[in-house]
Amino acid sequence: MFSEKDKQQIQERGSKLETVQIQIENFKKGFPYLPIQDAASVGNGIIRLSPEDLKKRGERYDAKIAAGTKALKFVPASGAASRMFKALFQALEDFQSQPHEDVIAANRDAAQYITELDRFAFAEELKKAVADDGEQLSATNKLDYLLTEKGLNYGAKPKGLLKFHSYEDGARTPFEEHLVEGAKYAADKDRKASLHFTVSPEHQPGFEALLAEIKDKYEELLGVEFDVTFSQQKPSTDTIAVDLENEPFRNADGSLLFRPGGHGALIENLNDLDADIIFIKNIDNVVPDRLKQPTIDFKKGLAGVLLKHQEKLFYYQHELNEKHYTALSSNFLAEAANFLENTLNTKPAKNHYYTEREELYQYLKEKYNRPLRVCGMVKNEGEPGGGPFWAMNADGTVSLQVVESSQIDPDSIQQQDIVQHATHFNPVDLVCAVKNYKGEKYDLTQFTDPATGFISQKSKDGKELKAQELPGLWNGAMSNWNTLFVEVPIETFNPVKTVNDLLRDQHL
């Protein structure tokens, strides 16, 4: 299947031939659906914090930071913003062949943008670009100068560098909003705020230039020192593409086609970071300063929940790792099993009873020696995306998992009935602990579930192909973590999926 030239190409990418061969097999046999057992809900896998609990957890987190705990904020920011402007691109294309009034009548998203341009944070910059060219602010120019190199070129930029919010001293990008937000909960006792952004190679210079321009301003404004770093998705995590017969897809020059492996590839980037606590949040989920406080309170609250349970988890880790099973009492093992099942939300395989002390000890030792994450979950109000479920793992155990709709069997009435009863969804609001009781970092690549990948159909050069995504960052890539879910308010979830989302009250 692979020539010597192919093998050289694979090696030069930092990939392994065995990994590529496994990917080919995945195309042939497909990925299994993830069997969900129940939807997680408040009291059934999701913790609801009272105002008093939220305050206490936040104070616990603040105390740990004051004692030297190091926090870091991790923001996936690789994606281009082109999907935000799908309707506007269509309108710009249609303007070439149809009367403008017909296009605007048929394309409500474009009509709203054109009519309400002045409400956007980038409006003044766009109008200046049009005026500088001696042009009129026509409907066509409102689109053309936003999307293309004629003006702002937003159609080719990443979301993180678009102007989202207006302030008296100018407009802010999501990148800037993340810095401001991060300063409020990711700064250490010396007021150093650490943030890491994963970016595309072509966009990194833009992020670095903006950082150089605004860093001093925000450090003075917020009383912090920023430590901002960037990384790119590793070429070695790209996956091979195949044709519809599951043979390697080849470019016009005969070389193999590799495609980015999706956000699940970022587990490698996360694995390279060193911090006691890592917050994860998407680049487009930001709000202006006047609305930030609930997010800050709940970020600290989630971290406080993590720290509270981590203390006991570390106690059990220490005992299980430092003592022979014969030195551990039956009561201790029973307590550890109870904490694992009822607090860390991992249930043993059905009808599996650990009658032998050594067998129970080995099971507990394996399950306790894992990273810990706390995931915020929002009440379901019709937003798309994954959700919190009890799911069966490859070893037969049942645990809390973030499950995407594509992972659930669409033809199973029983599985879809569980989905219909789901009460919450995943807003991508995580706090992670990636070290053990000794302060040693885990190798996060060892806690993924390779069977939770995804196959989609694409095309290149007019030819159909199949692409493969790695297990998602917060589902399959973290499948074998110890997991807690905490309810967070809808006010903390304000993503921008289309340009007109910026006209919502949360972004004005």
Protein backbone atom coordinates (compact mmCIF):
# COMPACT_ATOMS: atom_id res chain seq x y z
CA MET A 1 0.00 0.00 0.00
CA PHE A 2 2.83 2.38 0.85
CA SER A 3 5.91 2.87 -1.30
CA GLU A 4 9.30 3.81 0.10
CA LYS A 5 8.58 7.38 -0.96
CA ASP A 6 5.31 7.27 1.02
CA LYS A 7 7.12 5.97 4.09
CA GLN A 8 9.65 8.78 3.80
CA GLN A 9 6.84 11.34 3.60
CA ILE A 10 5.21 9.83 6.71
CA GLN A 11 8.48 9.89 8.59
CA GLU A 12 9.24 13.50 7.61
CA ARG A 13 5.90 14.55 9.09
CA GLY A 14 6.85 13.05 12.44
CA SER A 15 4.17 10.36 12.08
CA LYS A 16 4.58 6.62 12.46
CA LEU A 17 3.75 4.09 9.76
CA GLU A 18 1.88 1.94 12.31
CA THR A 19 -0.30 4.93 13.27
CA VAL A 20 -1.19 5.62 9.64
CA GLN A 21 -2.01 1.94 9.09
CA ILE A 22 -4.33 2.02 12.12
CA GLN A 23 -6.04 5.08 10.64
CA ILE A 24 -6.59 3.17 7.36
CA GLU A 25 -8.18 0.33 9.34
CA ASN A 26 -10.42 2.82 11.13
CA PHE A 27 -11.76 3.93 7.75
CA LYS A 28 -12.48 0.33 6.79
CA LYS A 29 -14.26 -0.76 9.95
CA GLY A 30 -15.57 2.63 11.14
CA PHE A 31 -15.82 3.84 14.72
CA PRO A 32 -18.31 2.27 17.10
CA TYR A 33 -21.03 4.35 18.71
CA LEU A 34 -20.53 5.13 22.38
CA PRO A 35 -23.19 3.35 24.46
CA ILE A 36 -24.80 5.93 26.75
CA GLN A 37 -26.57 4.63 29.85
CA ASP A 38 -28.30 7.76 31.10
CA ALA A 39 -28.29 11.53 30.73
CA ALA A 40 -26.44 13.29 33.54
CA SER A 41 -28.62 15.74 35.46
CA VAL A 42 -28.54 17.70 38.69
CA GLY A 43 -28.31 15.09 41.46
CA ASN A 44 -27.39 12.41 38.93
CA GLY A 45 -23.84 13.33 38.01
CA ILE A 46 -24.15 17.13 37.89
CA ILE A 47 -23.36 19.21 40.99
CA ARG A 48 -25.37 22.36 41.60
CA LEU A 49 -23.59 24.98 43.73
CA SER A 50 -25.58 27.20 46.05
CA PRO A 51 -24.42 30.83 46.30
CA GLU A 52 -22.73 29.92 49.59
CA ASP A 53 -21.01 26.90 48.03
CA LEU A 54 -19.84 29.00 45.07
CA LYS A 55 -18.35 31.59 47.42
CA LYS A 56 -16.60 28.90 49.51
CA ARG A 57 -15.16 27.15 46.48
CA GLY A 58 -13.91 30.45 45.09
CA GLU A 59 -12.25 31.29 48.41
CA ARG A 60 -10.59 27.86 48.47
CA TYR A 61 -9.17 28.53 45.01
CA ASP A 62 -7.94 32.02 45.98
CA ALA A 63 -6.25 30.57 49.07
CA LYS A 64 -4.45 27.96 46.98
CA ILE A 65 -3.24 30.61 44.52
CA ALA A 66 -1.98 32.70 47.44
CA ALA A 67 -0.11 29.61 48.68
CA GLY A 68 1.70 29.16 45.35
CA THR A 69 -0.58 27.07 43.13
CA LYS A 70 0.12 27.84 39.46
CA ALA A 71 -2.81 28.32 37.08
CA LEU A 72 -2.88 28.66 33.31
CA LYS A 73 -5.60 29.42 30.79
CA PHE A 74 -5.63 27.31 27.59
CA VAL A 75 -7.55 28.72 24.62
CA PRO A 76 -7.96 26.81 21.33
CA ALA A 77 -7.81 29.63 18.78
CA SER A 78 -6.78 27.90 15.55
CA GLY A 79 -9.99 28.18 13.57
CA ALA A 80 -10.54 30.70 10.81
CA ALA A 81 -13.63 32.89 11.06
CA SER A 82 -14.85 32.08 7.54
CA ARG A 83 -17.88 30.12 8.82
CA MET A 84 -19.04 33.24 10.70
CA PHE A 85 -19.56 34.93 7.35
CA LYS A 86 -21.10 32.13 5.27
CA ALA A 87 -24.31 34.08 4.59
CA LEU A 88 -22.38 37.26 3.76
CA PHE A 89 -20.09 35.46 1.29
CA GLN A 90 -23.19 34.04 -0.39
CA ALA A 91 -24.77 37.48 -0.64
CA LEU A 92 -21.58 38.99 -2.10
CA GLU A 93 -21.52 36.25 -4.73
CA ASP A 94 -25.22 36.65 -5.52
CA PHE A 95 -24.81 40.41 -5.96
CA GLN A 96 -22.82 39.65 -9.13
CA SER A 97 -25.79 38.10 -10.91
CA GLN A 98 -28.99 39.18 -9.15
CA PRO A 99 -30.67 42.48 -8.26
CA HIS A 100 -29.52 43.64 -4.84
CA GLU A 101 -33.02 43.96 -3.48
CA ASP A 102 -33.76 40.33 -4.40
CA VAL A 103 -30.58 39.12 -2.71
CA ILE A 104 -31.29 41.09 0.46
CA ALA A 105 -34.90 39.91 0.54
CA ALA A 106 -33.78 36.28 0.31
CA ASN A 107 -30.78 36.49 2.67
CA ARG A 108 -32.01 37.73 6.05
CA ASP A 109 -28.60 37.40 7.73
CA ALA A 110 -26.96 39.59 5.10
CA ALA A 111 -29.85 42.05 5.26
CA GLN A 112 -29.48 42.41 9.03
CA TYR A 113 -25.73 42.94 8.76
CA ILE A 114 -26.08 45.57 6.01
CA THR A 115 -28.88 47.42 7.80
CA GLU A 116 -27.25 47.39 11.25
CA LEU A 117 -23.58 47.84 10.33
CA ASP A 118 -23.15 50.81 12.68
CA ARG A 119 -23.78 48.59 15.72
CA PHE A 120 -20.71 46.41 15.11
CA ALA A 121 -17.42 47.10 16.89
CA PHE A 122 -15.56 47.05 13.56
CA ALA A 123 -17.91 49.49 11.79
CA GLU A 124 -15.71 52.59 12.03
CA GLU A 125 -12.64 50.77 10.76
CA LEU A 126 -14.62 49.36 7.83
CA LYS A 127 -16.11 52.74 6.91
CA LYS A 128 -12.65 54.33 7.03
CA ALA A 129 -11.28 51.68 4.66
CA VAL A 130 -14.10 52.38 2.21
CA ALA A 131 -13.61 56.17 2.46
CA ASP A 132 -9.82 55.89 2.05
CA ASP A 133 -10.43 54.23 -1.32
CA GLY A 134 -12.79 57.02 -2.34
CA GLU A 135 -15.69 54.58 -2.46
CA GLN A 136 -19.30 54.90 -1.34
CA LEU A 137 -20.65 52.84 1.56
CA SER A 138 -22.88 50.75 -0.69
CA ALA A 139 -24.35 47.37 0.23
CA THR A 140 -21.71 45.68 -1.91
CA ASN A 141 -18.88 47.57 -0.23
CA LYS A 142 -20.23 46.79 3.23
CA LEU A 143 -19.70 43.13 2.34
CA ASP A 144 -16.62 43.42 0.16
CA TYR A 145 -14.61 45.60 2.55
CA LEU A 146 -15.47 43.37 5.51
CA LEU A 147 -14.67 40.02 3.91
CA THR A 148 -11.83 40.59 1.46
CA GLU A 149 -8.36 42.05 1.22
CA LYS A 150 -9.89 45.27 -0.08
CA GLY A 151 -10.63 46.11 3.54
CA LEU A 152 -10.60 44.22 6.84
CA ASN A 153 -10.19 40.76 5.26
CA TYR A 154 -12.22 39.22 8.10
CA GLY A 155 -13.16 36.27 5.89
CA ALA A 156 -9.56 35.04 6.07
CA LYS A 157 -8.70 35.97 9.67
CA PRO A 158 -9.10 33.89 12.83
CA LYS A 159 -11.93 34.72 15.22
CA GLY A 160 -9.45 35.75 17.87
CA LEU A 161 -8.33 38.78 15.86
CA LEU A 162 -11.74 40.18 14.91
CA LYS A 163 -13.13 43.20 16.72
CA PHE A 164 -16.00 41.92 18.86
CA HIS A 165 -16.78 44.55 21.50
CA SER A 166 -16.83 48.35 21.66
CA TYR A 167 -15.35 50.38 24.54
CA GLU A 168 -14.78 54.08 25.05
CA ASP A 169 -11.06 53.62 24.38
CA GLY A 170 -11.56 51.44 21.29
CA ALA A 171 -12.73 48.01 20.21
CA ARG A 172 -11.50 44.71 21.63
CA THR A 173 -10.85 41.37 19.99
CA PRO A 174 -11.61 38.00 21.67
CA PHE A 175 -7.86 37.64 22.19
CA GLU A 176 -7.87 40.80 24.30
CA GLU A 177 -11.01 39.78 26.17
CA HIS A 178 -9.35 36.49 27.12
CA LEU A 179 -6.35 38.38 28.48
CA VAL A 180 -8.61 40.61 30.60
CA GLU A 181 -10.66 37.66 31.81
CA GLY A 182 -7.59 35.53 32.48
CA ALA A 183 -6.08 38.28 34.62
CA LYS A 184 -9.07 37.91 36.95
CA TYR A 185 -8.59 34.21 37.76
CA ALA A 186 -5.42 32.83 36.17
CA ALA A 187 -2.87 35.12 37.86
CA ASP A 188 -0.49 33.64 40.45
CA LYS A 189 0.45 35.11 43.83
CA ASP A 190 2.99 37.36 42.11
CA ARG A 191 0.29 38.66 39.74
CA LYS A 192 1.66 36.86 36.70
CA ALA A 193 -1.19 35.74 34.46
CA SER A 194 -0.34 32.80 32.19
CA LEU A 195 -2.29 32.14 28.99
CA HIS A 196 -1.62 29.76 26.12
CA PHE A 197 -3.28 29.99 22.71
CA THR A 198 -3.18 27.30 20.04
CA VAL A 199 -3.10 29.03 16.65
CA SER A 200 -2.62 28.24 12.97
CA PRO A 201 0.88 28.86 11.54
CA GLU A 202 -0.39 31.52 9.14
CA HIS A 203 -2.16 33.41 11.95
CA GLN A 204 0.49 33.33 14.68
CA PRO A 205 2.30 36.49 13.46
CA GLY A 206 -1.00 38.38 13.71
CA PHE A 207 -1.54 37.28 17.30
CA GLU A 208 2.04 38.12 18.22
CA ALA A 209 1.77 41.57 16.63
CA LEU A 210 -1.45 42.35 18.51
CA LEU A 211 0.08 41.13 21.78
CA ALA A 212 3.10 43.39 21.30
CA GLU A 213 0.79 46.32 20.61
CA ILE A 214 -1.55 45.94 23.61
CA LYS A 215 0.42 44.06 26.29
CA ASP A 216 1.74 47.09 28.19
CA LYS A 217 -1.67 48.75 28.13
CA TYR A 218 -3.49 45.80 29.71
CA GLU A 219 -0.72 45.07 32.20
CA GLU A 220 -1.01 48.60 33.51
CA LEU A 221 -4.81 48.54 33.43
CA LEU A 222 -5.11 45.20 35.26
CA GLY A 223 -2.04 45.25 37.51
CA VAL A 224 -0.61 41.99 36.17
CA GLU A 225 2.30 40.71 34.16
CA PHE A 226 1.19 38.58 31.22
CA ASP A 227 2.99 35.39 30.23
CA VAL A 228 1.40 34.58 26.87
CA THR A 229 2.58 31.66 24.77
CA PHE A 230 1.47 30.11 21.49
CA SER A 231 1.66 26.70 19.89
CA GLN A 232 0.47 25.09 16.69
CA GLN A 233 -1.19 21.79 16.05
CA LYS A 234 1.60 19.28 15.41
CA PRO A 235 1.87 17.89 11.85
CA SER A 236 2.38 14.45 13.40
CA THR A 237 -1.25 14.56 14.61
CA ASP A 238 -2.65 15.04 11.09
CA THR A 239 -4.57 12.04 9.79
CA ILE A 240 -4.35 10.42 6.38
CA ALA A 241 -7.23 10.86 3.93
CA VAL A 242 -8.60 8.01 1.81
CA ASP A 243 -10.75 7.72 -1.30
CA LEU A 244 -14.19 6.12 -1.23
CA GLU A 245 -12.57 2.66 -1.58
CA ASN A 246 -10.46 3.32 1.55
CA GLU A 247 -7.25 3.56 -0.42
CA PRO A 248 -4.86 6.41 0.47
CA PHE A 249 -5.96 9.62 -1.26
CA ARG A 250 -3.20 11.12 -3.37
CA ASN A 251 -2.52 14.69 -4.44
CA ALA A 252 -1.92 15.57 -8.08
CA ASP A 253 1.81 14.96 -7.59
CA GLY A 254 1.20 11.48 -6.16
CA SER A 255 1.96 12.40 -2.55
CA LEU A 256 -0.28 11.27 0.31
CA LEU A 257 -2.89 13.73 1.56
CA PHE A 258 -2.91 14.40 5.30
CA ARG A 259 -5.53 16.57 7.00
CA PRO A 260 -5.67 18.21 10.45
CA GLY A 261 -6.96 15.75 13.04
CA GLY A 262 -9.47 18.15 14.62
CA HIS A 263 -9.32 19.75 18.07
CA GLY A 264 -8.60 16.35 19.63
CA ALA A 265 -5.05 16.77 18.32
CA LEU A 266 -4.61 19.58 20.85
CA ILE A 267 -4.23 17.04 23.66
CA GLU A 268 -0.58 17.00 22.51
CA ASN A 269 -0.33 20.79 22.98
CA LEU A 270 -2.03 20.57 26.37
CA ASN A 271 0.37 17.81 27.32
CA ASP A 272 3.35 20.12 26.75
CA LEU A 273 2.19 22.68 29.32
CA ASP A 274 3.20 22.82 32.97
CA ALA A 275 0.70 24.15 35.52
CA ASP A 276 -1.15 22.88 38.57
CA ILE A 277 -4.54 23.98 37.26
CA ILE A 278 -5.46 24.55 33.61
CA PHE A 279 -8.63 26.37 32.54
CA ILE A 280 -9.95 25.58 29.03
CA LYS A 281 -12.34 27.83 27.15
CA ASN A 282 -13.07 28.47 23.46
CA ILE A 283 -11.84 31.64 21.76
CA ASP A 284 -15.28 32.99 20.80
CA ASN A 285 -16.93 32.59 24.23
CA VAL A 286 -16.23 36.06 25.65
CA VAL A 287 -18.30 39.01 26.87
CA PRO A 288 -17.62 42.70 27.59
CA ASP A 289 -16.35 43.74 31.02
CA ARG A 290 -19.82 44.62 32.32
CA LEU A 291 -20.85 40.95 32.02
CA LYS A 292 -17.64 39.17 33.06
CA GLN A 293 -18.27 38.69 36.80
CA PRO A 294 -20.44 35.51 36.61
CA THR A 295 -17.78 33.88 34.43
CA ILE A 296 -15.02 34.84 36.86
CA ASP A 297 -17.00 33.62 39.88
CA PHE A 298 -17.81 30.27 38.29
CA LYS A 299 -14.30 29.74 36.93
CA LYS A 300 -13.01 30.09 40.47
CA GLY A 301 -15.90 27.98 41.72
CA LEU A 302 -15.11 25.13 39.32
CA ALA A 303 -11.45 25.30 40.35
CA GLY A 304 -12.49 25.21 44.01
CA VAL A 305 -14.59 22.09 43.39
CA LEU A 306 -11.59 20.48 41.71
CA LEU A 307 -9.27 21.36 44.60
CA LYS A 308 -11.71 20.09 47.23
CA HIS A 309 -11.99 16.66 45.62
CA GLN A 310 -8.35 16.55 44.59
CA GLU A 311 -7.29 16.59 48.25
CA LYS A 312 -9.07 13.32 48.95
CA LEU A 313 -8.08 11.87 45.59
CA PHE A 314 -4.42 12.58 46.44
CA TYR A 315 -4.87 10.85 49.79
CA TYR A 316 -6.13 7.69 48.10
CA GLN A 317 -3.43 7.94 45.42
CA HIS A 318 -0.75 8.15 48.09
CA GLU A 319 -2.01 5.15 50.01
CA LEU A 320 -2.54 3.00 46.92
CA ASN A 321 0.85 3.85 45.44
CA GLU A 322 2.99 3.85 48.57
CA LYS A 323 1.62 0.74 50.30
CA HIS A 324 1.32 -2.92 49.39
CA TYR A 325 -2.27 -4.09 49.16
CA THR A 326 -1.77 -6.36 52.15
CA ALA A 327 -1.04 -3.28 54.29
CA LEU A 328 -4.36 -1.64 53.37
CA SER A 329 -7.43 -2.46 55.45
CA SER A 330 -10.69 -3.71 54.00
CA ASN A 331 -12.33 -0.54 55.31
CA PHE A 332 -9.86 1.65 53.43
CA LEU A 333 -10.43 -0.23 50.16
CA ALA A 334 -14.20 -0.02 50.63
CA GLU A 335 -13.99 3.73 51.29
CA ALA A 336 -11.77 4.24 48.23
CA ALA A 337 -14.19 2.23 46.08
CA ASN A 338 -17.12 4.27 47.38
CA PHE A 339 -15.38 7.61 46.70
CA LEU A 340 -14.47 6.47 43.18
CA GLU A 341 -18.02 5.43 42.37
CA ASN A 342 -20.08 8.10 44.13
CA THR A 343 -17.82 11.15 43.94
CA LEU A 344 -15.46 10.57 41.01
CA ASN A 345 -18.33 9.02 39.05
CA THR A 346 -16.73 5.79 37.84
CA LYS A 347 -18.86 2.67 38.34
CA PRO A 348 -17.46 -0.85 38.00
CA ALA A 349 -18.42 -3.04 35.08
CA LYS A 350 -21.90 -4.51 35.36
CA ASN A 351 -22.09 -7.62 37.52
CA HIS A 352 -18.37 -7.38 38.29
CA TYR A 353 -17.65 -7.91 41.96
CA TYR A 354 -14.14 -7.56 43.30
CA THR A 355 -14.06 -10.53 45.64
CA GLU A 356 -10.27 -10.66 45.78
CA ARG A 357 -8.47 -7.93 47.73
CA GLU A 358 -5.61 -7.74 45.22
CA GLU A 359 -8.00 -7.42 42.27
CA LEU A 360 -9.87 -4.55 43.95
CA TYR A 361 -6.56 -2.89 44.83
CA GLN A 362 -5.31 -3.04 41.23
CA TYR A 363 -8.63 -1.68 39.92
CA LEU A 364 -8.60 1.23 42.35
CA LYS A 365 -4.94 1.99 41.72
CA GLU A 366 -5.56 2.23 37.97
CA LYS A 367 -8.64 4.43 38.31
CA TYR A 368 -7.12 6.79 40.87
CA ASN A 369 -3.90 7.36 38.92
CA ARG A 370 -5.56 9.57 36.31
CA PRO A 371 -5.91 13.29 35.60
CA LEU A 372 -8.90 15.08 37.09
CA ARG A 373 -11.23 17.51 35.35
CA VAL A 374 -14.28 19.54 36.34
CA CYS A 375 -16.56 20.45 33.45
CA GLY A 376 -19.15 23.22 33.58
CA MET A 377 -22.53 22.23 32.13
CA VAL A 378 -25.29 24.61 31.05
CA LYS A 379 -29.03 23.96 31.05
CA ASN A 380 -30.13 22.85 27.62
CA GLU A 381 -31.82 25.70 25.76
CA GLY A 382 -31.58 24.28 22.27
CA GLU A 383 -27.91 25.06 21.61
CA PRO A 384 -26.07 22.54 19.39
CA GLY A 385 -23.16 20.52 20.70
CA GLY A 386 -22.28 17.66 22.99
CA GLY A 387 -23.70 16.96 26.38
CA PRO A 388 -23.09 15.21 29.72
CA PHE A 389 -23.96 11.52 29.86
CA TRP A 390 -23.21 8.37 31.79
CA ALA A 391 -21.49 6.18 29.19
CA MET A 392 -19.99 2.71 29.03
CA ASN A 393 -16.22 2.65 28.51
CA ALA A 394 -14.16 0.11 26.61
CA ASP A 395 -13.36 -1.78 29.85
CA GLY A 396 -17.03 -2.10 30.76
CA THR A 397 -16.97 0.57 33.47
CA VAL A 398 -19.50 3.40 33.36
CA SER A 399 -18.43 6.99 33.92
CA LEU A 400 -19.37 10.57 33.15
CA GLN A 401 -18.44 11.58 29.62
CA VAL A 402 -18.94 14.57 27.35
CA VAL A 403 -20.62 12.93 24.34
CA GLU A 404 -21.15 14.47 20.90
CA SER A 405 -24.36 13.68 19.02
CA SER A 406 -22.32 11.99 16.28
CA GLN A 407 -21.11 9.43 18.85
CA ILE A 408 -24.64 8.22 19.63
CA ASP A 409 -26.41 5.61 17.50
CA PRO A 410 -29.10 7.52 15.54
CA ASP A 411 -31.02 4.31 14.79
CA SER A 412 -31.35 3.15 18.40
CA ILE A 413 -34.71 4.16 19.87
CA GLN A 414 -33.36 3.49 23.37
CA GLN A 415 -30.25 5.63 22.85
CA GLN A 416 -32.18 8.48 21.26
CA ASP A 417 -34.74 8.37 24.08
CA ILE A 418 -31.90 9.05 26.53
CA VAL A 419 -30.78 11.97 24.38
CA GLN A 420 -34.30 13.41 24.40
CA HIS A 421 -34.25 13.45 28.21
CA ALA A 422 -30.94 15.30 28.44
CA THR A 423 -31.17 18.46 30.54
CA HIS A 424 -27.74 20.05 29.96
CA PHE A 425 -25.16 20.61 27.24
CA ASN A 426 -21.41 21.15 27.09
CA PRO A 427 -20.29 24.81 26.74
CA VAL A 428 -16.55 23.87 26.80
CA ASP A 429 -15.82 25.20 30.27
CA LEU A 430 -13.18 23.00 31.88
CA VAL A 431 -10.76 23.10 34.77
CA CYS A 432 -8.07 20.42 34.68
CA ALA A 433 -5.52 19.01 37.11
CA VAL A 434 -2.77 17.19 35.21
CA LYS A 435 -0.41 16.21 38.04
CA ASN A 436 -0.43 13.43 40.62
CA TYR A 437 0.03 13.57 44.39
CA LYS A 438 3.80 13.90 43.95
CA GLY A 439 3.46 16.88 41.61
CA GLU A 440 4.47 14.75 38.63
CA LYS A 441 2.78 15.47 35.30
CA TYR A 442 0.70 12.77 33.66
CA ASP A 443 1.29 11.82 30.04
CA LEU A 444 -2.14 12.92 28.84
CA THR A 445 -1.87 10.93 25.61
CA GLN A 446 -2.21 7.76 27.69
CA PHE A 447 -5.77 8.60 28.81
CA THR A 448 -7.55 8.88 25.46
CA ASP A 449 -10.04 6.49 23.88
CA PRO A 450 -8.87 5.91 20.28
CA ALA A 451 -12.25 4.32 19.43
CA THR A 452 -14.06 7.66 19.71
CA GLY A 453 -12.82 9.21 16.48
CA PHE A 454 -15.04 10.49 13.68
CA ILE A 455 -15.15 10.02 9.89
CA SER A 456 -16.56 12.63 7.50
CA GLN A 457 -16.80 13.01 3.74
CA LYS A 458 -14.95 15.87 2.02
CA SER A 459 -13.61 16.67 -1.43
CA LYS A 460 -10.37 17.93 -2.94
CA ASP A 461 -9.64 18.92 -6.51
CA GLY A 462 -13.13 17.75 -7.45
CA LYS A 463 -12.62 14.27 -6.03
CA GLU A 464 -14.49 12.80 -3.06
CA LEU A 465 -12.50 11.67 -0.04
CA LYS A 466 -12.98 10.52 3.52
CA ALA A 467 -11.34 12.37 6.41
CA GLN A 468 -10.75 11.21 9.96
CA GLU A 469 -10.82 13.28 13.11
CA LEU A 470 -9.09 12.22 16.30
CA PRO A 471 -11.11 11.81 19.52
CA GLY A 472 -12.28 15.31 20.50
CA LEU A 473 -10.30 17.27 23.10
CA TRP A 474 -13.02 17.27 25.78
CA ASN A 475 -14.64 13.92 24.93
CA GLY A 476 -12.55 11.06 23.55
CA ALA A 477 -9.18 12.68 24.27
CA MET A 478 -10.16 12.96 27.97
CA SER A 479 -12.27 9.81 28.09
CA ASN A 480 -10.16 8.13 30.75
CA TRP A 481 -9.92 11.07 33.15
CA ASN A 482 -11.68 11.29 36.49
CA THR A 483 -14.58 13.63 35.80
CA LEU A 484 -16.92 15.91 37.72
CA PHE A 485 -19.75 17.96 36.19
CA VAL A 486 -20.95 21.24 37.72
CA GLU A 487 -23.90 23.30 36.56
CA VAL A 488 -22.94 26.79 35.37
CA PRO A 489 -25.36 29.57 34.36
CA ILE A 490 -26.24 30.32 30.75
CA GLU A 491 -24.73 33.79 31.31
CA THR A 492 -21.29 32.18 31.09
CA PHE A 493 -21.94 30.83 27.59
CA ASN A 494 -21.93 33.46 24.84
CA PRO A 495 -20.31 32.01 21.71
CA VAL A 496 -20.20 33.84 18.39
CA LYS A 497 -21.05 31.45 15.57
CA THR A 498 -22.28 34.00 13.00
CA VAL A 499 -21.39 37.67 12.61
CA ASN A 500 -24.90 38.72 13.67
CA ASP A 501 -24.40 37.02 17.06
CA LEU A 502 -22.38 40.14 17.81
CA LEU A 503 -25.66 42.07 17.81
CA ARG A 504 -26.93 40.13 20.82
CA ASP A 505 -27.18 42.11 24.04
CA GLN A 506 -24.32 40.03 25.51
CA HIS A 507 -21.90 41.48 22.96
CA LEU A 508 -22.98 45.11 22.78
